[in-house]
Amino acid sequence: MKKAIKYIYDANPFYVHWKKHVCPKCGSKVELRYVSKIVNSKSHEAKNYDFSVGDTFFVGDVEFRTRYFYCPKCLLDISFQEMKKFEKGSGNRSY
């Protein structure tokens, strides 16, 4: 049986897919990647995850995928929240 997959979005899809984003470190175009974690709905850590999608509730092992930006030139991983801060100019962090 194939395990369920749930994507976790902490940013608007329009922001993620249609806006052009560049690396805050080197200025190159960034790519989308994701990190995944498999969590069982009956495990202790399940309380930190939402197993529902609409009116459906996943039971058993669920793969949670969180997307982020990745710079292939300088190998920098950038969360959506970090990129938003950088693009607004208030997050002038050194990477």
PDB file of N, CA and C in Angstrom:
ATOM      1  N   MET A   1       0.827  -1.186   0.000  1.00  0.00           N
ATOM      2  CA  MET A   1       0.000   0.000   0.000  1.00  0.00           C
ATOM      3  C   MET A   1       0.872   1.251   0.000  1.00  0.00           C
ATOM      4  N   LYS A   2       0.494   2.213  -0.801  1.00  0.00           N
ATOM      5  CA  LYS A   2       1.251   3.452  -0.912  1.00  0.00           C
ATOM      6  C   LYS A   2       0.926   4.359   0.265  1.00  0.00           C
ATOM      7  N   LYS A   3       1.943   4.987   0.836  1.00  0.00           N
ATOM      8  CA  LYS A   3       1.710   5.868   1.978  1.00  0.00           C
ATOM      9  C   LYS A   3       1.162   7.214   1.504  1.00  0.00           C
ATOM     10  N   ALA A   4       0.456   7.881   2.395  1.00  0.00           N
ATOM     11  CA  ALA A   4      -0.117   9.184   2.087  1.00  0.00           C
ATOM     12  C   ALA A   4       0.971  10.250   2.117  1.00  0.00           C
ATOM     13  N   ILE A   5       0.790  11.286   1.301  1.00  0.00           N
ATOM     14  CA  ILE A   5       1.725  12.408   1.250  1.00  0.00           C
ATOM     15  C   ILE A   5       0.935  13.680   1.486  1.00  0.00           C
ATOM     16  N   LYS A   6       1.424  14.507   2.383  1.00  0.00           N
ATOM     17  CA  LYS A   6       0.790  15.799   2.630  1.00  0.00           C
ATOM     18  C   LYS A   6       1.844  16.888   2.495  1.00  0.00           C
ATOM     19  N   TYR A   7       1.540  17.878   1.670  1.00  0.00           N
ATOM     20  CA  TYR A   7       2.443  19.011   1.482  1.00  0.00           C
ATOM     21  C   TYR A   7       2.098  20.102   2.490  1.00  0.00           C
ATOM     22  N   ILE A   8       3.117  20.630   3.131  1.00  0.00           N
ATOM     23  CA  ILE A   8       2.939  21.700   4.101  1.00  0.00           C
ATOM     24  C   ILE A   8       3.364  23.001   3.432  1.00  0.00           C
ATOM     25  N   TYR A   9       2.432  23.922   3.343  1.00  0.00           N
ATOM     26  CA  TYR A   9       2.707  25.220   2.727  1.00  0.00           C
ATOM     27  C   TYR A   9       2.650  26.302   3.783  1.00  0.00           C
ATOM     28  N   ASP A  10       3.694  27.087   3.875  1.00  0.00           N
ATOM     29  CA  ASP A  10       3.671  28.229   4.774  1.00  0.00           C
ATOM     30  C   ASP A  10       3.828  29.523   3.979  1.00  0.00           C
ATOM     31  N   ALA A  11       3.452  29.446   2.696  1.00  0.00           N
ATOM     32  CA  ALA A  11       3.483  30.621   1.828  1.00  0.00           C
ATOM     33  C   ALA A  11       2.428  30.441   0.734  1.00  0.00           C
ATOM     34  N   ASN A  12       1.971  31.538   0.226  1.00  0.00           N
ATOM     35  CA  ASN A  12       0.985  31.543  -0.846  1.00  0.00           C
ATOM     36  C   ASN A  12       1.590  30.915  -2.109  1.00  0.00           C
ATOM     37  N   PRO A  13       0.863  30.018  -2.801  1.00  0.00           N
ATOM     38  CA  PRO A  13       1.397  29.401  -4.029  1.00  0.00           C
ATOM     39  C   PRO A  13       1.787  30.420  -5.103  1.00  0.00           C
ATOM     40  N   PHE A  14       1.073  31.546  -5.167  1.00  0.00           N
ATOM     41  CA  PHE A  14       1.443  32.581  -6.137  1.00  0.00           C
ATOM     42  C   PHE A  14       2.826  33.135  -5.816  1.00  0.00           C
ATOM     43  N   TYR A  15       3.092  33.359  -4.542  1.00  0.00           N
ATOM     44  CA  TYR A  15       4.409  33.849  -4.117  1.00  0.00           C
ATOM     45  C   TYR A  15       5.494  32.836  -4.475  1.00  0.00           C
ATOM     46  N   VAL A  16       5.223  31.583  -4.241  1.00  0.00           N
ATOM     47  CA  VAL A  16       6.226  30.532  -4.440  1.00  0.00           C
ATOM     48  C   VAL A  16       6.510  30.285  -5.920  1.00  0.00           C
ATOM     49  N   HIS A  17       5.458  30.154  -6.727  1.00  0.00           N
ATOM     50  CA  HIS A  17       5.629  29.688  -8.100  1.00  0.00           C
ATOM     51  C   HIS A  17       5.725  30.784  -9.161  1.00  0.00           C
ATOM     52  N   TRP A  18       5.087  31.930  -8.956  1.00  0.00           N
ATOM     53  CA  TRP A  18       5.061  32.923 -10.020  1.00  0.00           C
ATOM     54  C   TRP A  18       6.000  34.093  -9.814  1.00  0.00           C
ATOM     55  N   LYS A  19       6.386  34.347  -8.605  1.00  0.00           N
ATOM     56  CA  LYS A  19       7.335  35.427  -8.340  1.00  0.00           C
ATOM     57  C   LYS A  19       8.750  34.913  -8.585  1.00  0.00           C
ATOM     58  N   LYS A  20       9.592  35.746  -9.170  1.00  0.00           N
ATOM     59  CA  LYS A  20      10.982  35.346  -9.406  1.00  0.00           C
ATOM     60  C   LYS A  20      11.774  35.579  -8.128  1.00  0.00           C
ATOM     61  N   HIS A  21      12.541  34.578  -7.730  1.00  0.00           N
ATOM     62  CA  HIS A  21      13.331  34.661  -6.514  1.00  0.00           C
ATOM     63  C   HIS A  21      14.805  34.426  -6.831  1.00  0.00           C
ATOM     64  N   VAL A  22      15.659  35.174  -6.150  1.00  0.00           N
ATOM     65  CA  VAL A  22      17.106  35.012  -6.319  1.00  0.00           C
ATOM     66  C   VAL A  22      17.745  34.773  -4.961  1.00  0.00           C
ATOM     67  N   CYS A  23      18.889  34.142  -4.989  1.00  0.00           N
ATOM     68  CA  CYS A  23      19.627  33.821  -3.772  1.00  0.00           C
ATOM     69  C   CYS A  23      20.103  35.102  -3.096  1.00  0.00           C
ATOM     70  N   PRO A  24      19.866  35.231  -1.785  1.00  0.00           N
ATOM     71  CA  PRO A  24      20.333  36.427  -1.075  1.00  0.00           C
ATOM     72  C   PRO A  24      21.845  36.494  -0.941  1.00  0.00           C
ATOM     73  N   LYS A  25      22.508  35.374  -1.141  1.00  0.00           N
ATOM     74  CA  LYS A  25      23.964  35.325  -0.989  1.00  0.00           C
ATOM     75  C   LYS A  25      24.692  35.656  -2.288  1.00  0.00           C
ATOM     76  N   CYS A  26      24.251  35.019  -3.413  1.00  0.00           N
ATOM     77  CA  CYS A  26      25.001  35.194  -4.665  1.00  0.00           C
ATOM     78  C   CYS A  26      24.185  35.794  -5.807  1.00  0.00           C
ATOM     79  N   GLY A  27      22.864  35.920  -5.640  1.00  0.00           N
ATOM     80  CA  GLY A  27      22.033  36.532  -6.674  1.00  0.00           C
ATOM     81  C   GLY A  27      21.583  35.598  -7.776  1.00  0.00           C
ATOM     82  N   SER A  28      21.899  34.318  -7.695  1.00  0.00           N
ATOM     83  CA  SER A  28      21.477  33.349  -8.714  1.00  0.00           C
ATOM     84  C   SER A  28      20.015  32.976  -8.536  1.00  0.00           C
ATOM     85  N   LYS A  29      19.409  32.482  -9.607  1.00  0.00           N
ATOM     86  CA  LYS A  29      18.027  32.022  -9.549  1.00  0.00           C
ATOM     87  C   LYS A  29      17.956  30.781  -8.653  1.00  0.00           C
ATOM     88  N   VAL A  30      16.968  30.734  -7.775  1.00  0.00           N
ATOM     89  CA  VAL A  30      16.820  29.600  -6.859  1.00  0.00           C
ATOM     90  C   VAL A  30      15.840  28.578  -7.427  1.00  0.00           C
ATOM     91  N   GLU A  31      15.922  27.360  -6.904  1.00  0.00           N
ATOM     92  CA  GLU A  31      15.037  26.268  -7.290  1.00  0.00           C
ATOM     93  C   GLU A  31      14.174  25.897  -6.099  1.00  0.00           C
ATOM     94  N   LEU A  32      13.105  25.152  -6.367  1.00  0.00           N
ATOM     95  CA  LEU A  32      12.271  24.623  -5.300  1.00  0.00           C
ATOM     96  C   LEU A  32      12.697  23.205  -4.974  1.00  0.00           C
ATOM     97  N   ARG A  33      12.785  22.912  -3.704  1.00  0.00           N
ATOM     98  CA  ARG A  33      13.069  21.560  -3.218  1.00  0.00           C
ATOM     99  C   ARG A  33      12.157  21.305  -2.037  1.00  0.00           C
ATOM    100  N   TYR A  34      12.197  20.094  -1.534  1.00  0.00           N
ATOM    101  CA  TYR A  34      11.440  19.815  -0.327  1.00  0.00           C
ATOM    102  C   TYR A  34      12.183  18.840   0.554  1.00  0.00           C
ATOM    103  N   VAL A  35      11.892  18.943   1.830  1.00  0.00           N
ATOM    104  CA  VAL A  35      12.405  18.010   2.818  1.00  0.00           C
ATOM    105  C   VAL A  35      11.192  17.206   3.269  1.00  0.00           C
ATOM    106  N   SER A  36      11.384  15.908   3.465  1.00  0.00           N
ATOM    107  CA  SER A  36      10.250  15.085   3.862  1.00  0.00           C
ATOM    108  C   SER A  36      10.515  14.384   5.181  1.00  0.00           C
ATOM    109  N   LYS A  37       9.426  14.115   5.879  1.00  0.00           N
ATOM    110  CA  LYS A  37       9.489  13.411   7.159  1.00  0.00           C
ATOM    111  C   LYS A  37       8.278  12.504   7.223  1.00  0.00           C
ATOM    112  N   ILE A  38       8.522  11.242   7.571  1.00  0.00           N
ATOM    113  CA  ILE A  38       7.431  10.285   7.707  1.00  0.00           C
ATOM    114  C   ILE A  38       7.047  10.211   9.179  1.00  0.00           C
ATOM    115  N   VAL A  39       5.761  10.419   9.432  1.00  0.00           N
ATOM    116  CA  VAL A  39       5.236  10.422  10.798  1.00  0.00           C
ATOM    117  C   VAL A  39       4.041   9.473  10.848  1.00  0.00           C
ATOM    118  N   ASN A  40       4.007   8.634  11.866  1.00  0.00           N
ATOM    119  CA  ASN A  40       2.875   7.740  12.057  1.00  0.00           C
ATOM    120  C   ASN A  40       1.827   8.457  12.888  1.00  0.00           C
ATOM    121  N   SER A  41       0.573   8.336  12.483  1.00  0.00           N
ATOM    122  CA  SER A  41      -0.512   9.049  13.160  1.00  0.00           C
ATOM    123  C   SER A  41      -0.692   8.611  14.608  1.00  0.00           C
ATOM    124  N   LYS A  42      -0.148   7.450  14.973  1.00  0.00           N
ATOM    125  CA  LYS A  42      -0.276   6.960  16.341  1.00  0.00           C
ATOM    126  C   LYS A  42       0.983   7.193  17.173  1.00  0.00           C
ATOM    127  N   SER A  43       1.971   7.863  16.612  1.00  0.00           N
ATOM    128  CA  SER A  43       3.224   8.104  17.321  1.00  0.00           C
ATOM    129  C   SER A  43       3.104   9.314  18.251  1.00  0.00           C
ATOM    130  N   HIS A  44       4.084   9.456  19.133  1.00  0.00           N
ATOM    131  CA  HIS A  44       4.111  10.577  20.079  1.00  0.00           C
ATOM    132  C   HIS A  44       4.247  11.918  19.347  1.00  0.00           C
ATOM    133  N   GLU A  45       5.035  11.970  18.284  1.00  0.00           N
ATOM    134  CA  GLU A  45       5.258  13.232  17.571  1.00  0.00           C
ATOM    135  C   GLU A  45       4.094  13.626  16.668  1.00  0.00           C
ATOM    136  N   ALA A  46       3.093  12.761  16.529  1.00  0.00           N
ATOM    137  CA  ALA A  46       1.935  13.057  15.677  1.00  0.00           C
ATOM    138  C   ALA A  46       1.182  14.295  16.146  1.00  0.00           C
ATOM    139  N   LYS A  47       1.280  14.610  17.432  1.00  0.00           N
ATOM    140  CA  LYS A  47       0.570  15.781  17.957  1.00  0.00           C
ATOM    141  C   LYS A  47       1.069  17.085  17.335  1.00  0.00           C
ATOM    142  N   ASN A  48       2.265  17.058  16.734  1.00  0.00           N
ATOM    143  CA  ASN A  48       2.846  18.244  16.108  1.00  0.00           C
ATOM    144  C   ASN A  48       2.484  18.383  14.631  1.00  0.00           C
ATOM    145  N   TYR A  49       1.679  17.461  14.106  1.00  0.00           N
ATOM    146  CA  TYR A  49       1.336  17.447  12.683  1.00  0.00           C
ATOM    147  C   TYR A  49      -0.170  17.384  12.501  1.00  0.00           C
ATOM    148  N   ASP A  50      -0.623  17.932  11.390  1.00  0.00           N
ATOM    149  CA  ASP A  50      -2.045  17.909  11.047  1.00  0.00           C
ATOM    150  C   ASP A  50      -2.267  16.800  10.018  1.00  0.00           C
ATOM    151  N   PHE A  51      -2.970  15.760  10.391  1.00  0.00           N
ATOM    152  CA  PHE A  51      -3.208  14.615   9.517  1.00  0.00           C
ATOM    153  C   PHE A  51      -4.489  14.753   8.698  1.00  0.00           C
ATOM    154  N   SER A  52      -5.119  15.903   8.753  1.00  0.00           N
ATOM    155  CA  SER A  52      -6.370  16.078   8.016  1.00  0.00           C
ATOM    156  C   SER A  52      -6.137  16.814   6.708  1.00  0.00           C
ATOM    157  N   VAL A  53      -6.965  16.461   5.732  1.00  0.00           N
ATOM    158  CA  VAL A  53      -7.020  17.154   4.446  1.00  0.00           C
ATOM    159  C   VAL A  53      -8.498  17.268   4.107  1.00  0.00           C
ATOM    160  N   GLY A  54      -9.027  18.467   4.226  1.00  0.00           N
ATOM    161  CA  GLY A  54     -10.463  18.640   4.030  1.00  0.00           C
ATOM    162  C   GLY A  54     -11.213  17.867   5.094  1.00  0.00           C
ATOM    163  N   ASP A  55     -12.091  16.963   4.657  1.00  0.00           N
ATOM    164  CA  ASP A  55     -12.845  16.147   5.611  1.00  0.00           C
ATOM    165  C   ASP A  55     -12.262  14.739   5.750  1.00  0.00           C
ATOM    166  N   THR A  56     -11.031  14.555   5.280  1.00  0.00           N
ATOM    167  CA  THR A  56     -10.357  13.261   5.355  1.00  0.00           C
ATOM    168  C   THR A  56      -9.261  13.318   6.418  1.00  0.00           C
ATOM    169  N   PHE A  57      -9.069  12.220   7.130  1.00  0.00           N
ATOM    170  CA  PHE A  57      -8.016  12.129   8.138  1.00  0.00           C
ATOM    171  C   PHE A  57      -7.117  10.953   7.785  1.00  0.00           C
ATOM    172  N   PHE A  58      -5.825  11.222   7.603  1.00  0.00           N
ATOM    173  CA  PHE A  58      -4.873  10.158   7.280  1.00  0.00           C
ATOM    174  C   PHE A  58      -4.555   9.338   8.525  1.00  0.00           C
ATOM    175  N   VAL A  59      -4.458   8.031   8.370  1.00  0.00           N
ATOM    176  CA  VAL A  59      -4.116   7.122   9.463  1.00  0.00           C
ATOM    177  C   VAL A  59      -2.895   6.315   9.034  1.00  0.00           C
ATOM    178  N   GLY A  60      -1.985   6.083   9.974  1.00  0.00           N
ATOM    179  CA  GLY A  60      -0.773   5.325   9.678  1.00  0.00           C
ATOM    180  C   GLY A  60       0.366   6.244   9.300  1.00  0.00           C
ATOM    181  N   ASP A  61       1.281   5.739   8.479  1.00  0.00           N
ATOM    182  CA  ASP A  61       2.441   6.519   8.056  1.00  0.00           C
ATOM    183  C   ASP A  61       2.046   7.552   7.005  1.00  0.00           C
ATOM    184  N   VAL A  62       2.406   8.798   7.257  1.00  0.00           N
ATOM    185  CA  VAL A  62       2.148   9.899   6.331  1.00  0.00           C
ATOM    186  C   VAL A  62       3.465  10.620   6.093  1.00  0.00           C
ATOM    187  N   GLU A  63       3.756  10.879   4.834  1.00  0.00           N
ATOM    188  CA  GLU A  63       4.961  11.635   4.483  1.00  0.00           C
ATOM    189  C   GLU A  63       4.583  13.106   4.398  1.00  0.00           C
ATOM    190  N   PHE A  64       5.174  13.912   5.271  1.00  0.00           N
ATOM    191  CA  PHE A  64       4.951  15.355   5.267  1.00  0.00           C
ATOM    192  C   PHE A  64       6.095  15.998   4.499  1.00  0.00           C
ATOM    193  N   ARG A  65       5.756  16.769   3.470  1.00  0.00           N
ATOM    194  CA  ARG A  65       6.761  17.433   2.639  1.00  0.00           C
ATOM    195  C   ARG A  65       6.664  18.936   2.810  1.00  0.00           C
ATOM    196  N   THR A  66       7.791  19.546   3.160  1.00  0.00           N
ATOM    197  CA  THR A  66       7.867  20.995   3.319  1.00  0.00           C
ATOM    198  C   THR A  66       8.785  21.541   2.238  1.00  0.00           C
ATOM    199  N   ARG A  67       8.284  22.475   1.466  1.00  0.00           N
ATOM    200  CA  ARG A  67       9.078  23.052   0.377  1.00  0.00           C
ATOM    201  C   ARG A  67       9.953  24.189   0.879  1.00  0.00           C
ATOM    202  N   TYR A  68      11.040  24.412   0.155  1.00  0.00           N
ATOM    203  CA  TYR A  68      11.957  25.515   0.460  1.00  0.00           C
ATOM    204  C   TYR A  68      12.703  25.882  -0.805  1.00  0.00           C
ATOM    205  N   PHE A  69      13.385  27.012  -0.794  1.00  0.00           N
ATOM    206  CA  PHE A  69      14.203  27.438  -1.925  1.00  0.00           C
ATOM    207  C   PHE A  69      15.626  26.918  -1.746  1.00  0.00           C
ATOM    208  N   TYR A  70      16.259  26.631  -2.873  1.00  0.00           N
ATOM    209  CA  TYR A  70      17.618  26.101  -2.880  1.00  0.00           C
ATOM    210  C   TYR A  70      18.415  26.795  -3.975  1.00  0.00           C
ATOM    211  N   CYS A  71      19.620  27.237  -3.651  1.00  0.00           N
ATOM    212  CA  CYS A  71      20.498  27.851  -4.646  1.00  0.00           C
ATOM    213  C   CYS A  71      21.492  26.798  -5.135  1.00  0.00           C
ATOM    214  N   PRO A  72      21.419  26.429  -6.421  1.00  0.00           N
ATOM    215  CA  PRO A  72      22.343  25.423  -6.942  1.00  0.00           C
ATOM    216  C   PRO A  72      23.780  25.922  -7.086  1.00  0.00           C
ATOM    217  N   LYS A  73      23.959  27.238  -7.088  1.00  0.00           N
ATOM    218  CA  LYS A  73      25.315  27.782  -7.254  1.00  0.00           C
ATOM    219  C   LYS A  73      26.086  27.762  -5.940  1.00  0.00           C
ATOM    220  N   CYS A  74      25.491  28.269  -4.872  1.00  0.00           N
ATOM    221  CA  CYS A  74      26.226  28.325  -3.600  1.00  0.00           C
ATOM    222  C   CYS A  74      25.695  27.326  -2.567  1.00  0.00           C
ATOM    223  N   LEU A  75      24.739  26.474  -2.974  1.00  0.00           N
ATOM    224  CA  LEU A  75      24.208  25.374  -2.151  1.00  0.00           C
ATOM    225  C   LEU A  75      23.497  25.851  -0.884  1.00  0.00           C
ATOM    226  N   LEU A  76      22.862  27.019  -0.950  1.00  0.00           N
ATOM    227  CA  LEU A  76      22.166  27.591   0.199  1.00  0.00           C
ATOM    228  C   LEU A  76      20.712  27.129   0.228  1.00  0.00           C
ATOM    229  N   ASP A  77      20.247  26.677   1.391  1.00  0.00           N
ATOM    230  CA  ASP A  77      18.851  26.342   1.617  1.00  0.00           C
ATOM    231  C   ASP A  77      18.189  27.551   2.267  1.00  0.00           C
ATOM    232  N   ILE A  78      17.028  27.970   1.733  1.00  0.00           N
ATOM    233  CA  ILE A  78      16.358  29.159   2.229  1.00  0.00           C
ATOM    234  C   ILE A  78      14.877  28.845   2.427  1.00  0.00           C
ATOM    235  N   SER A  79      14.396  29.015   3.646  1.00  0.00           N
ATOM    236  CA  SER A  79      12.971  28.796   3.895  1.00  0.00           C
ATOM    237  C   SER A  79      12.173  29.922   3.243  1.00  0.00           C
ATOM    238  N   PHE A  80      10.879  29.680   3.040  1.00  0.00           N
ATOM    239  CA  PHE A  80      10.029  30.719   2.467  1.00  0.00           C
ATOM    240  C   PHE A  80      10.010  31.950   3.363  1.00  0.00           C
ATOM    241  N   GLN A  81       9.974  31.735   4.677  1.00  0.00           N
ATOM    242  CA  GLN A  81       9.926  32.858   5.610  1.00  0.00           C
ATOM    243  C   GLN A  81      11.222  33.677   5.557  1.00  0.00           C
ATOM    244  N   GLU A  82      12.367  33.007   5.458  1.00  0.00           N
ATOM    245  CA  GLU A  82      13.645  33.724   5.337  1.00  0.00           C
ATOM    246  C   GLU A  82      13.695  34.522   4.039  1.00  0.00           C
ATOM    247  N   MET A  83      13.195  33.935   2.944  1.00  0.00           N
ATOM    248  CA  MET A  83      13.198  34.625   1.655  1.00  0.00           C
ATOM    249  C   MET A  83      12.287  35.849   1.700  1.00  0.00           C
ATOM    250  N   LYS A  84      11.137  35.716   2.336  1.00  0.00           N
ATOM    251  CA  LYS A  84      10.234  36.865   2.463  1.00  0.00           C
ATOM    252  C   LYS A  84      10.912  38.007   3.218  1.00  0.00           C
ATOM    253  N   LYS A  85      11.607  37.682   4.299  1.00  0.00           N
ATOM    254  CA  LYS A  85      12.317  38.709   5.072  1.00  0.00           C
ATOM    255  C   LYS A  85      13.388  39.376   4.222  1.00  0.00           C
ATOM    256  N   PHE A  86      14.137  38.579   3.492  1.00  0.00           N
ATOM    257  CA  PHE A  86      15.194  39.127   2.630  1.00  0.00           C
ATOM    258  C   PHE A  86      14.594  40.058   1.576  1.00  0.00           C
ATOM    259  N   GLU A  87      13.515  39.598   0.931  1.00  0.00           N
ATOM    260  CA  GLU A  87      12.912  40.376  -0.158  1.00  0.00           C
ATOM    261  C   GLU A  87      12.254  41.663   0.336  1.00  0.00           C
ATOM    262  N   LYS A  88      11.819  41.674   1.572  1.00  0.00           N
ATOM    263  CA  LYS A  88      11.236  42.900   2.133  1.00  0.00           C
ATOM    264  C   LYS A  88      12.307  43.876   2.611  1.00  0.00           C
ATOM    265  N   GLY A  89      13.560  43.401   2.672  1.00  0.00           N
ATOM    266  CA  GLY A  89      14.649  44.281   3.071  1.00  0.00           C
ATOM    267  C   GLY A  89      14.869  44.360   4.571  1.00  0.00           C
ATOM    268  N   SER A  90      14.008  43.691   5.347  1.00  0.00           N
ATOM    269  CA  SER A  90      14.177  43.759   6.788  1.00  0.00           C
ATOM    270  C   SER A  90      15.002  42.596   7.319  1.00  0.00           C
ATOM    271  N   GLY A  91      15.332  41.681   6.470  1.00  0.00           N
ATOM    272  CA  GLY A  91      16.085  40.521   6.919  1.00  0.00           C
ATOM    273  C   GLY A  91      17.464  40.459   6.336  1.00  0.00           C
ATOM    274  N   ASN A  92      18.197  41.511   6.458  1.00  0.00           N
ATOM    275  CA  ASN A  92      19.546  41.542   5.898  1.00  0.00           C
ATOM    276  C   ASN A  92      20.491  40.687   6.735  1.00  0.00           C
ATOM    277  N   ARG A  93      20.302  39.404   6.638  1.00  0.00           N
ATOM    278  CA  ARG A  93      21.136  38.455   7.376  1.00  0.00           C
ATOM    279  C   ARG A  93      22.324  38.052   6.529  1.00  0.00           C
ATOM    280  N   SER A  94      23.406  37.752   7.146  1.00  0.00           N
ATOM    281  CA  SER A  94      24.557  37.264   6.379  1.00  0.00           C
ATOM    282  C   SER A  94      24.462  35.749   6.305  1.00  0.00           C
ATOM    283  N   TYR A  95      24.519  35.230   5.108  1.00  0.00           N
ATOM    284  CA  TYR A  95      24.385  33.782   4.888  1.00  0.00           C
ATOM    285  C   TYR A  95      25.715  33.155   4.690  1.00  0.00           C
TER     286      TYR A  95
END
